[in-house]
Amino acid sequence: MALVLVVDDDTLSLQLLELMLKREQHVVLTSASNTDTVDLIYQHQPDLVILNDNMPHVSGGEMCKRIKTDPRICQTPVVLTSAGQRVRDPNYVRDSRADGVLYKPCVAADVRTCVNQHLR
């Protein structure tokens, strides 16, 4: 069992990921805005962050860079998720410093595999 922070401005995607993770016995913390992501990581110290790349104001990739350059939280694994094309570009994923990618629409088996891979 792990604590997973899911950040997504799409309510349905957020609820589906939360449900899939809870079925795997994980504790899930959710946020519909990425403006408080860093504060949530400081406060709750999640084992994994799943971050929507296509967010208003600051992209998930940019937020991931912020997380990965902060010495207090840089070890937190971050997985970008999106139906968009940017997360399919290996250069974008590398530049964002993401630990992995979860493509939308997500199915439970893909979520399980991705989470297990990044919690090791």
N, C-alpha and C. Protein backbone atom coordinates (compact mmCIF):
# COMPACT_ATOMS: atom_id res chain seq x y z
N MET A 1 0.85 -1.18 0.00
CA MET A 1 0.00 0.00 0.00
C MET A 1 0.89 1.23 0.00
N ALA A 2 0.55 2.19 -0.86
CA ALA A 2 1.32 3.41 -1.00
C ALA A 2 0.38 4.61 -1.01
N LEU A 3 0.95 5.77 -0.72
CA LEU A 3 0.21 7.02 -0.84
C LEU A 3 0.52 7.60 -2.21
N VAL A 4 -0.53 7.79 -3.02
CA VAL A 4 -0.38 8.29 -4.38
C VAL A 4 -1.13 9.61 -4.49
N LEU A 5 -0.43 10.65 -4.94
CA LEU A 5 -1.04 11.94 -5.22
C LEU A 5 -1.38 11.98 -6.69
N VAL A 6 -2.65 12.24 -7.01
CA VAL A 6 -3.11 12.35 -8.39
C VAL A 6 -3.56 13.78 -8.62
N VAL A 7 -2.98 14.44 -9.63
CA VAL A 7 -3.30 15.82 -9.95
C VAL A 7 -3.84 15.87 -11.38
N ASP A 8 -5.11 16.25 -11.51
CA ASP A 8 -5.74 16.29 -12.83
C ASP A 8 -6.92 17.24 -12.76
N ASP A 9 -7.02 18.15 -13.73
CA ASP A 9 -8.13 19.10 -13.74
C ASP A 9 -9.39 18.52 -14.35
N ASP A 10 -9.30 17.34 -14.94
CA ASP A 10 -10.48 16.67 -15.49
C ASP A 10 -11.09 15.78 -14.40
N THR A 11 -12.26 16.15 -13.94
CA THR A 11 -12.89 15.46 -12.81
C THR A 11 -13.07 13.97 -13.07
N LEU A 12 -13.51 13.61 -14.25
CA LEU A 12 -13.74 12.19 -14.55
C LEU A 12 -12.44 11.40 -14.51
N SER A 13 -11.39 11.93 -15.13
CA SER A 13 -10.08 11.26 -15.10
C SER A 13 -9.58 11.12 -13.67
N LEU A 14 -9.75 12.16 -12.89
CA LEU A 14 -9.32 12.14 -11.49
C LEU A 14 -10.06 11.05 -10.71
N GLN A 15 -11.37 10.98 -10.90
CA GLN A 15 -12.17 9.98 -10.20
C GLN A 15 -11.83 8.56 -10.64
N LEU A 16 -11.61 8.37 -11.94
CA LEU A 16 -11.28 7.03 -12.44
C LEU A 16 -9.93 6.55 -11.91
N LEU A 17 -8.93 7.42 -11.94
CA LEU A 17 -7.63 7.04 -11.40
C LEU A 17 -7.72 6.75 -9.91
N GLU A 18 -8.46 7.58 -9.21
CA GLU A 18 -8.64 7.36 -7.77
C GLU A 18 -9.27 5.99 -7.50
N LEU A 19 -10.30 5.65 -8.24
CA LEU A 19 -10.98 4.37 -8.08
C LEU A 19 -10.04 3.20 -8.39
N MET A 20 -9.31 3.30 -9.50
CA MET A 20 -8.39 2.22 -9.87
C MET A 20 -7.30 2.03 -8.81
N LEU A 21 -6.78 3.12 -8.29
CA LEU A 21 -5.72 3.03 -7.28
C LEU A 21 -6.25 2.49 -5.96
N LYS A 22 -7.43 2.91 -5.58
CA LYS A 22 -8.02 2.41 -4.33
C LYS A 22 -8.32 0.91 -4.43
N ARG A 23 -8.71 0.45 -5.59
CA ARG A 23 -8.94 -1.00 -5.78
C ARG A 23 -7.66 -1.80 -5.59
N GLU A 24 -6.52 -1.14 -5.80
CA GLU A 24 -5.22 -1.77 -5.58
C GLU A 24 -4.72 -1.55 -4.15
N GLN A 25 -5.60 -1.04 -3.30
CA GLN A 25 -5.33 -0.83 -1.87
C GLN A 25 -4.38 0.34 -1.58
N HIS A 26 -4.27 1.28 -2.52
CA HIS A 26 -3.44 2.45 -2.27
C HIS A 26 -4.28 3.54 -1.61
N VAL A 27 -3.63 4.39 -0.86
CA VAL A 27 -4.25 5.58 -0.30
C VAL A 27 -4.07 6.67 -1.35
N VAL A 28 -5.13 7.39 -1.67
CA VAL A 28 -5.08 8.34 -2.76
C VAL A 28 -5.44 9.74 -2.27
N LEU A 29 -4.59 10.68 -2.62
CA LEU A 29 -4.81 12.09 -2.37
C LEU A 29 -4.99 12.73 -3.73
N THR A 30 -6.05 13.54 -3.91
CA THR A 30 -6.30 14.12 -5.22
C THR A 30 -6.31 15.64 -5.15
N SER A 31 -6.00 16.22 -6.30
CA SER A 31 -6.07 17.67 -6.45
C SER A 31 -6.46 17.97 -7.89
N ALA A 32 -7.36 18.93 -8.06
CA ALA A 32 -7.81 19.34 -9.39
C ALA A 32 -6.99 20.51 -9.93
N SER A 33 -5.99 20.94 -9.18
CA SER A 33 -5.17 22.07 -9.58
C SER A 33 -3.71 21.76 -9.29
N ASN A 34 -2.84 22.15 -10.21
CA ASN A 34 -1.43 21.89 -9.95
C ASN A 34 -0.74 23.04 -9.21
N THR A 35 -1.48 24.07 -8.85
CA THR A 35 -0.87 25.21 -8.15
C THR A 35 -0.41 24.84 -6.75
N ASP A 36 -0.99 23.80 -6.17
CA ASP A 36 -0.61 23.40 -4.82
C ASP A 36 0.15 22.08 -4.77
N THR A 37 0.60 21.59 -5.93
CA THR A 37 1.24 20.28 -6.00
C THR A 37 2.48 20.19 -5.12
N VAL A 38 3.36 21.15 -5.23
CA VAL A 38 4.59 21.12 -4.43
C VAL A 38 4.26 21.16 -2.94
N ASP A 39 3.33 21.99 -2.54
CA ASP A 39 2.94 22.06 -1.12
C ASP A 39 2.35 20.73 -0.65
N LEU A 40 1.54 20.09 -1.49
CA LEU A 40 0.97 18.79 -1.13
C LEU A 40 2.06 17.73 -0.96
N ILE A 41 3.07 17.79 -1.81
CA ILE A 41 4.17 16.83 -1.69
C ILE A 41 4.94 17.08 -0.40
N TYR A 42 5.22 18.34 -0.09
CA TYR A 42 5.89 18.67 1.18
C TYR A 42 5.09 18.15 2.37
N GLN A 43 3.80 18.42 2.33
CA GLN A 43 2.94 18.11 3.47
C GLN A 43 2.70 16.61 3.65
N HIS A 44 2.45 15.89 2.55
CA HIS A 44 2.01 14.50 2.66
C HIS A 44 3.06 13.46 2.29
N GLN A 45 4.13 13.89 1.63
CA GLN A 45 5.22 13.01 1.23
C GLN A 45 4.70 11.74 0.54
N PRO A 46 4.02 11.89 -0.59
CA PRO A 46 3.49 10.72 -1.29
C PRO A 46 4.61 9.84 -1.82
N ASP A 47 4.27 8.59 -2.02
CA ASP A 47 5.21 7.63 -2.60
C ASP A 47 5.31 7.79 -4.11
N LEU A 48 4.28 8.38 -4.71
CA LEU A 48 4.22 8.55 -6.15
C LEU A 48 3.28 9.70 -6.47
N VAL A 49 3.60 10.45 -7.53
CA VAL A 49 2.73 11.52 -8.03
C VAL A 49 2.35 11.18 -9.47
N ILE A 50 1.06 11.21 -9.75
CA ILE A 50 0.58 11.07 -11.12
C ILE A 50 0.02 12.43 -11.51
N LEU A 51 0.62 13.02 -12.52
CA LEU A 51 0.39 14.42 -12.84
C LEU A 51 -0.07 14.57 -14.29
N ASN A 52 -1.25 15.14 -14.48
CA ASN A 52 -1.75 15.40 -15.82
C ASN A 52 -0.85 16.42 -16.50
N ASP A 53 -0.41 16.12 -17.70
CA ASP A 53 0.46 17.05 -18.42
C ASP A 53 -0.31 18.25 -18.95
N ASN A 54 -1.54 18.06 -19.35
CA ASN A 54 -2.33 19.11 -19.99
C ASN A 54 -3.15 19.87 -18.95
N MET A 55 -2.45 20.69 -18.17
CA MET A 55 -3.11 21.46 -17.11
C MET A 55 -3.06 22.95 -17.45
N PRO A 56 -4.05 23.72 -16.99
CA PRO A 56 -4.00 25.16 -17.22
C PRO A 56 -2.91 25.81 -16.36
N HIS A 57 -2.45 26.93 -16.79
CA HIS A 57 -1.45 27.75 -16.09
C HIS A 57 -0.05 27.17 -16.19
N VAL A 58 0.18 25.99 -15.65
CA VAL A 58 1.50 25.35 -15.67
C VAL A 58 1.31 23.92 -16.14
N SER A 59 2.03 23.53 -17.18
CA SER A 59 1.88 22.16 -17.69
C SER A 59 2.41 21.16 -16.66
N GLY A 60 1.97 19.93 -16.79
CA GLY A 60 2.47 18.88 -15.92
C GLY A 60 3.97 18.70 -16.09
N GLY A 61 4.47 18.85 -17.32
CA GLY A 61 5.90 18.74 -17.57
C GLY A 61 6.68 19.81 -16.83
N GLU A 62 6.18 21.03 -16.85
CA GLU A 62 6.84 22.13 -16.14
C GLU A 62 6.78 21.90 -14.63
N MET A 63 5.64 21.43 -14.14
CA MET A 63 5.52 21.15 -12.71
C MET A 63 6.47 20.02 -12.31
N CYS A 64 6.60 19.04 -13.18
CA CYS A 64 7.52 17.94 -12.91
C CYS A 64 8.95 18.46 -12.77
N LYS A 65 9.35 19.37 -13.66
CA LYS A 65 10.69 19.98 -13.56
C LYS A 65 10.88 20.66 -12.20
N ARG A 66 9.85 21.35 -11.75
CA ARG A 66 9.93 22.03 -10.45
C ARG A 66 10.15 21.02 -9.32
N ILE A 67 9.41 19.92 -9.40
CA ILE A 67 9.54 18.88 -8.37
C ILE A 67 10.94 18.28 -8.41
N LYS A 68 11.40 17.96 -9.61
CA LYS A 68 12.68 17.26 -9.76
C LYS A 68 13.90 18.14 -9.49
N THR A 69 13.72 19.45 -9.46
CA THR A 69 14.84 20.34 -9.15
C THR A 69 14.80 20.85 -7.71
N ASP A 70 13.81 20.42 -6.96
CA ASP A 70 13.70 20.81 -5.55
C ASP A 70 14.37 19.71 -4.71
N PRO A 71 15.49 20.01 -4.06
CA PRO A 71 16.22 18.96 -3.35
C PRO A 71 15.43 18.26 -2.25
N ARG A 72 14.39 18.91 -1.75
CA ARG A 72 13.59 18.30 -0.67
C ARG A 72 12.64 17.23 -1.18
N ILE A 73 12.27 17.30 -2.47
CA ILE A 73 11.27 16.35 -2.97
C ILE A 73 11.67 15.70 -4.29
N CYS A 74 12.88 15.92 -4.75
CA CYS A 74 13.29 15.45 -6.08
C CYS A 74 13.30 13.93 -6.21
N GLN A 75 13.33 13.21 -5.11
CA GLN A 75 13.33 11.74 -5.18
C GLN A 75 11.92 11.16 -5.36
N THR A 76 10.90 11.99 -5.25
CA THR A 76 9.52 11.52 -5.42
C THR A 76 9.29 11.14 -6.89
N PRO A 77 8.90 9.90 -7.16
CA PRO A 77 8.63 9.52 -8.55
C PRO A 77 7.41 10.27 -9.09
N VAL A 78 7.54 10.75 -10.33
CA VAL A 78 6.45 11.48 -10.98
C VAL A 78 6.15 10.83 -12.32
N VAL A 79 4.88 10.51 -12.53
CA VAL A 79 4.41 9.95 -13.79
C VAL A 79 3.50 10.98 -14.43
N LEU A 80 3.81 11.34 -15.68
CA LEU A 80 2.94 12.24 -16.44
C LEU A 80 1.85 11.41 -17.11
N THR A 81 0.65 11.97 -17.16
CA THR A 81 -0.45 11.31 -17.84
C THR A 81 -1.13 12.30 -18.77
N SER A 82 -1.55 11.82 -19.93
CA SER A 82 -2.21 12.70 -20.89
C SER A 82 -2.70 11.88 -22.08
N ALA A 83 -3.68 12.44 -22.77
CA ALA A 83 -4.10 11.89 -24.06
C ALA A 83 -3.41 12.66 -25.18
N GLY A 84 -2.69 13.71 -24.82
CA GLY A 84 -2.01 14.56 -25.80
C GLY A 84 -0.75 13.93 -26.36
N GLN A 85 -0.21 14.57 -27.35
CA GLN A 85 0.96 14.06 -28.06
C GLN A 85 2.28 14.35 -27.35
N ARG A 86 2.35 15.40 -26.53
CA ARG A 86 3.63 15.75 -25.91
C ARG A 86 4.23 14.62 -25.11
N VAL A 87 3.39 13.88 -24.36
CA VAL A 87 3.93 12.81 -23.53
C VAL A 87 4.38 11.60 -24.35
N ARG A 88 4.08 11.60 -25.62
CA ARG A 88 4.55 10.53 -26.51
C ARG A 88 5.93 10.87 -27.10
N ASP A 89 6.39 12.08 -26.83
CA ASP A 89 7.69 12.53 -27.32
C ASP A 89 8.74 12.24 -26.25
N PRO A 90 9.66 11.31 -26.51
CA PRO A 90 10.66 10.95 -25.50
C PRO A 90 11.52 12.13 -25.06
N ASN A 91 11.75 13.09 -25.95
CA ASN A 91 12.53 14.27 -25.58
C ASN A 91 11.78 15.13 -24.57
N TYR A 92 10.48 15.28 -24.77
CA TYR A 92 9.67 16.05 -23.83
C TYR A 92 9.67 15.39 -22.46
N VAL A 93 9.47 14.08 -22.45
CA VAL A 93 9.43 13.34 -21.18
C VAL A 93 10.78 13.45 -20.48
N ARG A 94 11.87 13.29 -21.22
CA ARG A 94 13.21 13.41 -20.64
C ARG A 94 13.45 14.81 -20.10
N ASP A 95 13.10 15.83 -20.89
CA ASP A 95 13.31 17.21 -20.47
C ASP A 95 12.48 17.58 -19.25
N SER A 96 11.31 16.97 -19.12
CA SER A 96 10.46 17.25 -17.95
C SER A 96 10.97 16.52 -16.71
N ARG A 97 11.85 15.54 -16.93
CA ARG A 97 12.43 14.72 -15.87
C ARG A 97 11.43 13.75 -15.25
N ALA A 98 10.37 13.46 -15.99
CA ALA A 98 9.36 12.51 -15.50
C ALA A 98 9.97 11.12 -15.40
N ASP A 99 9.50 10.37 -14.42
CA ASP A 99 9.95 8.99 -14.24
C ASP A 99 9.21 8.03 -15.15
N GLY A 100 8.05 8.45 -15.64
CA GLY A 100 7.27 7.58 -16.51
C GLY A 100 6.09 8.31 -17.10
N VAL A 101 5.36 7.58 -17.94
CA VAL A 101 4.20 8.13 -18.63
C VAL A 101 3.07 7.12 -18.56
N LEU A 102 1.87 7.63 -18.37
CA LEU A 102 0.66 6.83 -18.39
C LEU A 102 -0.28 7.47 -19.41
N TYR A 103 -0.54 6.76 -20.50
CA TYR A 103 -1.35 7.33 -21.58
C TYR A 103 -2.83 7.21 -21.27
N LYS A 104 -3.56 8.28 -21.56
CA LYS A 104 -5.02 8.27 -21.44
C LYS A 104 -5.60 7.85 -22.78
N PRO A 105 -6.71 7.15 -22.80
CA PRO A 105 -7.46 6.69 -21.63
C PRO A 105 -6.74 5.53 -20.94
N CYS A 106 -6.75 5.58 -19.64
CA CYS A 106 -6.06 4.57 -18.83
C CYS A 106 -6.99 3.39 -18.55
N VAL A 107 -6.42 2.21 -18.60
CA VAL A 107 -7.14 1.02 -18.17
C VAL A 107 -6.46 0.52 -16.89
N ALA A 108 -7.20 -0.21 -16.10
CA ALA A 108 -6.72 -0.62 -14.78
C ALA A 108 -5.40 -1.37 -14.84
N ALA A 109 -5.23 -2.24 -15.82
CA ALA A 109 -3.99 -3.02 -15.91
C ALA A 109 -2.78 -2.11 -16.16
N ASP A 110 -2.96 -1.08 -17.00
CA ASP A 110 -1.86 -0.15 -17.26
C ASP A 110 -1.52 0.67 -16.03
N VAL A 111 -2.54 1.09 -15.30
CA VAL A 111 -2.32 1.86 -14.07
C VAL A 111 -1.57 0.99 -13.06
N ARG A 112 -2.03 -0.24 -12.88
CA ARG A 112 -1.38 -1.17 -11.94
C ARG A 112 0.08 -1.37 -12.29
N THR A 113 0.36 -1.65 -13.56
CA THR A 113 1.73 -1.89 -14.01
C THR A 113 2.60 -0.66 -13.80
N CYS A 114 2.10 0.49 -14.17
CA CYS A 114 2.86 1.73 -14.04
C CYS A 114 3.16 2.04 -12.58
N VAL A 115 2.16 1.96 -11.73
CA VAL A 115 2.35 2.25 -10.31
C VAL A 115 3.32 1.28 -9.69
N ASN A 116 3.15 0.00 -9.95
CA ASN A 116 4.07 -1.01 -9.38
C ASN A 116 5.50 -0.78 -9.84
N GLN A 117 5.67 -0.41 -11.09
CA GLN A 117 7.01 -0.15 -11.62
C GLN A 117 7.69 1.00 -10.90
N HIS A 118 6.95 2.05 -10.59
CA HIS A 118 7.55 3.24 -10.01
C HIS A 118 7.58 3.25 -8.49
N LEU A 119 6.96 2.25 -7.87
CA LEU A 119 7.02 2.15 -6.41
C LEU A 119 8.15 1.25 -5.94
N ARG A 120 8.86 0.62 -6.86
CA ARG A 120 9.97 -0.27 -6.46
C ARG A 120 11.13 0.50 -5.94
